[in-house]
Amino acid sequence: MDTLMEYTVTATDARNNIGRLWENARRGPVKVLSAGKPVAVVVSPDDYEALKRAAERGARPVPRPGFAADLFPGVDVDALLAVPIEDQFEGYL
């Protein structure tokens, strides 16, 4: 079974080290903090596609081994999954 690594970075570090952010996202979700609070989670393309497929089925995603909402205490994961991704990245995609 894969062991999921949890990564957390500040928004400034993410901006200044974008290559490292992408590399870490391939290994596991990367929580981006601004003023100490989560503002985004960067995931791999495979994880993103799995989330999209699950949303299209109207089902909760079946996470990869080790992926769990408890990695993000205080974050309403259901609300995050309900937000259309395209709306959040308007102008960047």
N, C-alpha and C. Protein backbone atom coordinates (compact mmCIF):
# COMPACT_ATOMS: atom_id res chain seq x y z
N MET A 1 0.84 -1.17 0.00
CA MET A 1 0.00 0.00 0.00
C MET A 1 0.89 1.24 0.00
N ASP A 2 0.51 2.25 -0.79
CA ASP A 2 1.25 3.50 -0.84
C ASP A 2 1.06 4.27 0.46
N THR A 3 2.09 4.97 0.87
CA THR A 3 1.98 5.86 2.00
C THR A 3 1.88 7.27 1.47
N LEU A 4 0.85 7.96 1.86
CA LEU A 4 0.62 9.31 1.37
C LEU A 4 1.44 10.29 2.18
N MET A 5 2.21 11.11 1.49
CA MET A 5 2.95 12.17 2.14
C MET A 5 2.07 13.40 2.19
N GLU A 6 2.12 14.12 3.27
CA GLU A 6 1.39 15.36 3.38
C GLU A 6 2.39 16.50 3.30
N TYR A 7 2.09 17.44 2.44
CA TYR A 7 2.95 18.60 2.28
C TYR A 7 2.15 19.85 2.60
N THR A 8 2.78 20.80 3.25
CA THR A 8 2.17 22.09 3.54
C THR A 8 3.19 23.16 3.21
N VAL A 9 2.76 24.18 2.47
CA VAL A 9 3.65 25.28 2.12
C VAL A 9 2.89 26.59 2.28
N THR A 10 3.63 27.66 2.45
CA THR A 10 3.01 28.97 2.46
C THR A 10 2.77 29.40 1.02
N ALA A 11 1.85 30.33 0.83
CA ALA A 11 1.58 30.84 -0.51
C ALA A 11 2.84 31.46 -1.11
N THR A 12 3.62 32.14 -0.30
CA THR A 12 4.87 32.75 -0.78
C THR A 12 5.85 31.69 -1.25
N ASP A 13 6.03 30.63 -0.44
CA ASP A 13 6.94 29.55 -0.84
C ASP A 13 6.44 28.85 -2.11
N ALA A 14 5.13 28.66 -2.21
CA ALA A 14 4.57 28.03 -3.41
C ALA A 14 4.88 28.87 -4.64
N ARG A 15 4.70 30.17 -4.52
CA ARG A 15 4.96 31.08 -5.65
C ARG A 15 6.44 31.10 -6.00
N ASN A 16 7.31 31.13 -4.99
CA ASN A 16 8.75 31.23 -5.23
C ASN A 16 9.40 29.91 -5.64
N ASN A 17 8.74 28.80 -5.36
CA ASN A 17 9.30 27.48 -5.65
C ASN A 17 8.27 26.63 -6.38
N ILE A 18 7.74 27.14 -7.47
CA ILE A 18 6.64 26.47 -8.17
C ILE A 18 7.03 25.07 -8.65
N GLY A 19 8.26 24.88 -9.06
CA GLY A 19 8.70 23.55 -9.50
C GLY A 19 8.63 22.53 -8.37
N ARG A 20 9.03 22.93 -7.19
CA ARG A 20 8.96 22.04 -6.03
C ARG A 20 7.50 21.74 -5.68
N LEU A 21 6.63 22.75 -5.83
CA LEU A 21 5.20 22.54 -5.57
C LEU A 21 4.66 21.45 -6.49
N TRP A 22 4.98 21.54 -7.80
CA TRP A 22 4.49 20.53 -8.75
C TRP A 22 5.04 19.14 -8.38
N GLU A 23 6.32 19.09 -8.06
CA GLU A 23 6.95 17.80 -7.71
C GLU A 23 6.28 17.18 -6.48
N ASN A 24 6.06 17.98 -5.46
CA ASN A 24 5.42 17.46 -4.25
C ASN A 24 3.98 17.03 -4.51
N ALA A 25 3.27 17.75 -5.37
CA ALA A 25 1.87 17.40 -5.68
C ALA A 25 1.78 16.04 -6.37
N ARG A 26 2.83 15.64 -7.08
CA ARG A 26 2.82 14.31 -7.68
C ARG A 26 2.90 13.22 -6.62
N ARG A 27 3.43 13.56 -5.46
CA ARG A 27 3.58 12.58 -4.37
C ARG A 27 2.39 12.56 -3.43
N GLY A 28 1.68 13.68 -3.36
CA GLY A 28 0.53 13.77 -2.45
C GLY A 28 0.00 15.18 -2.43
N PRO A 29 -1.16 15.39 -1.84
CA PRO A 29 -1.75 16.72 -1.80
C PRO A 29 -0.83 17.72 -1.11
N VAL A 30 -0.81 18.93 -1.63
CA VAL A 30 -0.02 20.01 -1.03
C VAL A 30 -1.00 21.09 -0.57
N LYS A 31 -1.04 21.30 0.73
CA LYS A 31 -1.90 22.33 1.31
C LYS A 31 -1.13 23.65 1.27
N VAL A 32 -1.75 24.68 0.68
CA VAL A 32 -1.14 26.00 0.57
C VAL A 32 -1.79 26.90 1.62
N LEU A 33 -0.95 27.51 2.45
CA LEU A 33 -1.44 28.37 3.53
C LEU A 33 -1.16 29.84 3.24
N SER A 34 -2.13 30.68 3.60
CA SER A 34 -1.94 32.13 3.57
C SER A 34 -2.38 32.65 4.92
N ALA A 35 -1.53 33.38 5.57
CA ALA A 35 -1.78 33.87 6.93
C ALA A 35 -2.11 32.70 7.86
N GLY A 36 -1.45 31.56 7.62
CA GLY A 36 -1.62 30.40 8.48
C GLY A 36 -2.89 29.60 8.23
N LYS A 37 -3.68 29.99 7.24
CA LYS A 37 -4.94 29.29 6.96
C LYS A 37 -4.89 28.66 5.57
N PRO A 38 -5.48 27.46 5.42
CA PRO A 38 -5.49 26.81 4.11
C PRO A 38 -6.29 27.62 3.09
N VAL A 39 -5.70 27.84 1.92
CA VAL A 39 -6.38 28.57 0.85
C VAL A 39 -6.52 27.71 -0.40
N ALA A 40 -5.74 26.64 -0.50
CA ALA A 40 -5.80 25.77 -1.67
C ALA A 40 -5.12 24.46 -1.34
N VAL A 41 -5.46 23.46 -2.14
CA VAL A 41 -4.78 22.18 -2.08
C VAL A 41 -4.43 21.81 -3.52
N VAL A 42 -3.16 21.58 -3.78
CA VAL A 42 -2.70 21.21 -5.12
C VAL A 42 -2.58 19.70 -5.15
N VAL A 43 -3.19 19.08 -6.18
CA VAL A 43 -3.16 17.63 -6.32
C VAL A 43 -2.61 17.26 -7.69
N SER A 44 -2.22 16.01 -7.83
CA SER A 44 -1.70 15.52 -9.10
C SER A 44 -2.81 15.45 -10.14
N PRO A 45 -2.45 15.43 -11.42
CA PRO A 45 -3.47 15.27 -12.47
C PRO A 45 -4.29 13.99 -12.29
N ASP A 46 -3.66 12.90 -11.88
CA ASP A 46 -4.40 11.65 -11.68
C ASP A 46 -5.45 11.80 -10.58
N ASP A 47 -5.06 12.43 -9.47
CA ASP A 47 -6.02 12.65 -8.39
C ASP A 47 -7.14 13.58 -8.83
N TYR A 48 -6.80 14.61 -9.58
CA TYR A 48 -7.80 15.55 -10.08
C TYR A 48 -8.81 14.84 -10.98
N GLU A 49 -8.31 14.01 -11.90
CA GLU A 49 -9.21 13.29 -12.81
C GLU A 49 -10.11 12.33 -12.02
N ALA A 50 -9.57 11.68 -11.00
CA ALA A 50 -10.38 10.79 -10.17
C ALA A 50 -11.48 11.57 -9.46
N LEU A 51 -11.16 12.76 -8.97
CA LEU A 51 -12.16 13.60 -8.32
C LEU A 51 -13.24 14.02 -9.31
N LYS A 52 -12.84 14.38 -10.53
CA LYS A 52 -13.81 14.77 -11.55
C LYS A 52 -14.74 13.62 -11.90
N ARG A 53 -14.17 12.43 -12.10
CA ARG A 53 -15.00 11.27 -12.43
C ARG A 53 -16.00 10.98 -11.31
N ALA A 54 -15.55 11.08 -10.08
CA ALA A 54 -16.43 10.83 -8.95
C ALA A 54 -17.55 11.87 -8.91
N ALA A 55 -17.22 13.12 -9.17
CA ALA A 55 -18.23 14.18 -9.16
C ALA A 55 -19.25 13.95 -10.27
N GLU A 56 -18.79 13.51 -11.44
CA GLU A 56 -19.70 13.24 -12.55
C GLU A 56 -20.65 12.10 -12.22
N ARG A 57 -20.20 11.15 -11.43
CA ARG A 57 -21.05 10.04 -11.00
C ARG A 57 -21.97 10.47 -9.87
N GLY A 58 -21.71 11.65 -9.32
CA GLY A 58 -22.50 12.10 -8.18
C GLY A 58 -22.12 11.38 -6.90
N ALA A 59 -20.95 10.79 -6.91
CA ALA A 59 -20.51 10.01 -5.77
C ALA A 59 -19.36 10.71 -5.07
N ARG A 60 -19.21 10.36 -3.84
CA ARG A 60 -18.00 10.81 -3.14
C ARG A 60 -16.83 10.08 -3.78
N PRO A 61 -15.71 10.75 -3.93
CA PRO A 61 -14.57 10.10 -4.57
C PRO A 61 -14.06 8.93 -3.74
N VAL A 62 -13.58 7.94 -4.45
CA VAL A 62 -12.91 6.83 -3.79
C VAL A 62 -11.44 7.21 -3.76
N PRO A 63 -10.95 7.59 -2.60
CA PRO A 63 -9.58 8.11 -2.53
C PRO A 63 -8.54 7.02 -2.73
N ARG A 64 -7.36 7.47 -3.14
CA ARG A 64 -6.26 6.52 -3.23
C ARG A 64 -5.87 6.15 -1.81
N PRO A 65 -5.17 5.05 -1.64
CA PRO A 65 -4.80 4.63 -0.28
C PRO A 65 -4.12 5.75 0.49
N GLY A 66 -4.60 6.00 1.68
CA GLY A 66 -4.00 7.00 2.54
C GLY A 66 -4.57 8.39 2.39
N PHE A 67 -5.33 8.67 1.32
CA PHE A 67 -5.89 10.00 1.14
C PHE A 67 -7.12 10.11 2.02
N ALA A 68 -7.14 11.08 2.91
CA ALA A 68 -8.27 11.21 3.83
C ALA A 68 -8.51 12.66 4.17
N ALA A 69 -9.77 12.97 4.40
CA ALA A 69 -10.14 14.34 4.74
C ALA A 69 -9.49 14.78 6.05
N ASP A 70 -9.17 13.84 6.92
CA ASP A 70 -8.58 14.23 8.20
C ASP A 70 -7.17 14.79 8.06
N LEU A 71 -6.63 14.77 6.83
CA LEU A 71 -5.35 15.44 6.59
C LEU A 71 -5.50 16.95 6.63
N PHE A 72 -6.75 17.42 6.53
CA PHE A 72 -7.03 18.85 6.45
C PHE A 72 -8.00 19.25 7.56
N PRO A 73 -7.57 19.18 8.82
CA PRO A 73 -8.47 19.50 9.93
C PRO A 73 -9.01 20.92 9.81
N GLY A 74 -10.29 21.06 10.08
CA GLY A 74 -10.92 22.38 10.03
C GLY A 74 -11.35 22.79 8.64
N VAL A 75 -11.07 21.97 7.62
CA VAL A 75 -11.44 22.30 6.25
C VAL A 75 -12.66 21.48 5.87
N ASP A 76 -13.69 22.14 5.35
CA ASP A 76 -14.90 21.45 4.89
C ASP A 76 -14.61 20.85 3.52
N VAL A 77 -14.13 19.62 3.50
CA VAL A 77 -13.72 18.97 2.27
C VAL A 77 -14.90 18.81 1.32
N ASP A 78 -16.09 18.50 1.84
CA ASP A 78 -17.26 18.37 0.98
C ASP A 78 -17.54 19.67 0.24
N ALA A 79 -17.41 20.80 0.92
CA ALA A 79 -17.63 22.09 0.27
C ALA A 79 -16.57 22.35 -0.78
N LEU A 80 -15.32 22.00 -0.50
CA LEU A 80 -14.26 22.18 -1.49
C LEU A 80 -14.51 21.35 -2.74
N LEU A 81 -14.97 20.13 -2.56
CA LEU A 81 -15.21 19.26 -3.70
C LEU A 81 -16.41 19.71 -4.52
N ALA A 82 -17.30 20.50 -3.91
CA ALA A 82 -18.49 20.97 -4.62
C ALA A 82 -18.22 22.20 -5.48
N VAL A 83 -17.08 22.86 -5.29
CA VAL A 83 -16.75 24.07 -6.04
C VAL A 83 -16.19 23.70 -7.41
N PRO A 84 -16.79 24.22 -8.49
CA PRO A 84 -16.24 23.94 -9.82
C PRO A 84 -14.81 24.48 -9.92
N ILE A 85 -13.88 23.63 -10.24
CA ILE A 85 -12.47 24.00 -10.30
C ILE A 85 -12.24 25.12 -11.30
N GLU A 86 -12.91 25.06 -12.44
CA GLU A 86 -12.68 26.07 -13.47
C GLU A 86 -12.97 27.47 -12.96
N ASP A 87 -13.98 27.63 -12.10
CA ASP A 87 -14.31 28.94 -11.55
C ASP A 87 -13.17 29.51 -10.71
N GLN A 88 -12.45 28.65 -10.03
CA GLN A 88 -11.39 29.09 -9.13
C GLN A 88 -10.13 29.51 -9.88
N PHE A 89 -9.97 29.04 -11.11
CA PHE A 89 -8.75 29.33 -11.86
C PHE A 89 -9.03 30.15 -13.11
N GLU A 90 -10.14 30.88 -13.10
CA GLU A 90 -10.49 31.70 -14.26
C GLU A 90 -9.34 32.64 -14.58
N GLY A 91 -8.92 32.63 -15.81
CA GLY A 91 -7.82 33.47 -16.24
C GLY A 91 -6.46 32.81 -16.14
N TYR A 92 -6.38 31.65 -15.47
CA TYR A 92 -5.10 30.95 -15.31
C TYR A 92 -5.02 29.70 -16.17
N LEU A 93 -6.16 29.16 -16.57
CA LEU A 93 -6.15 27.91 -17.35
C LEU A 93 -6.06 28.20 -18.82
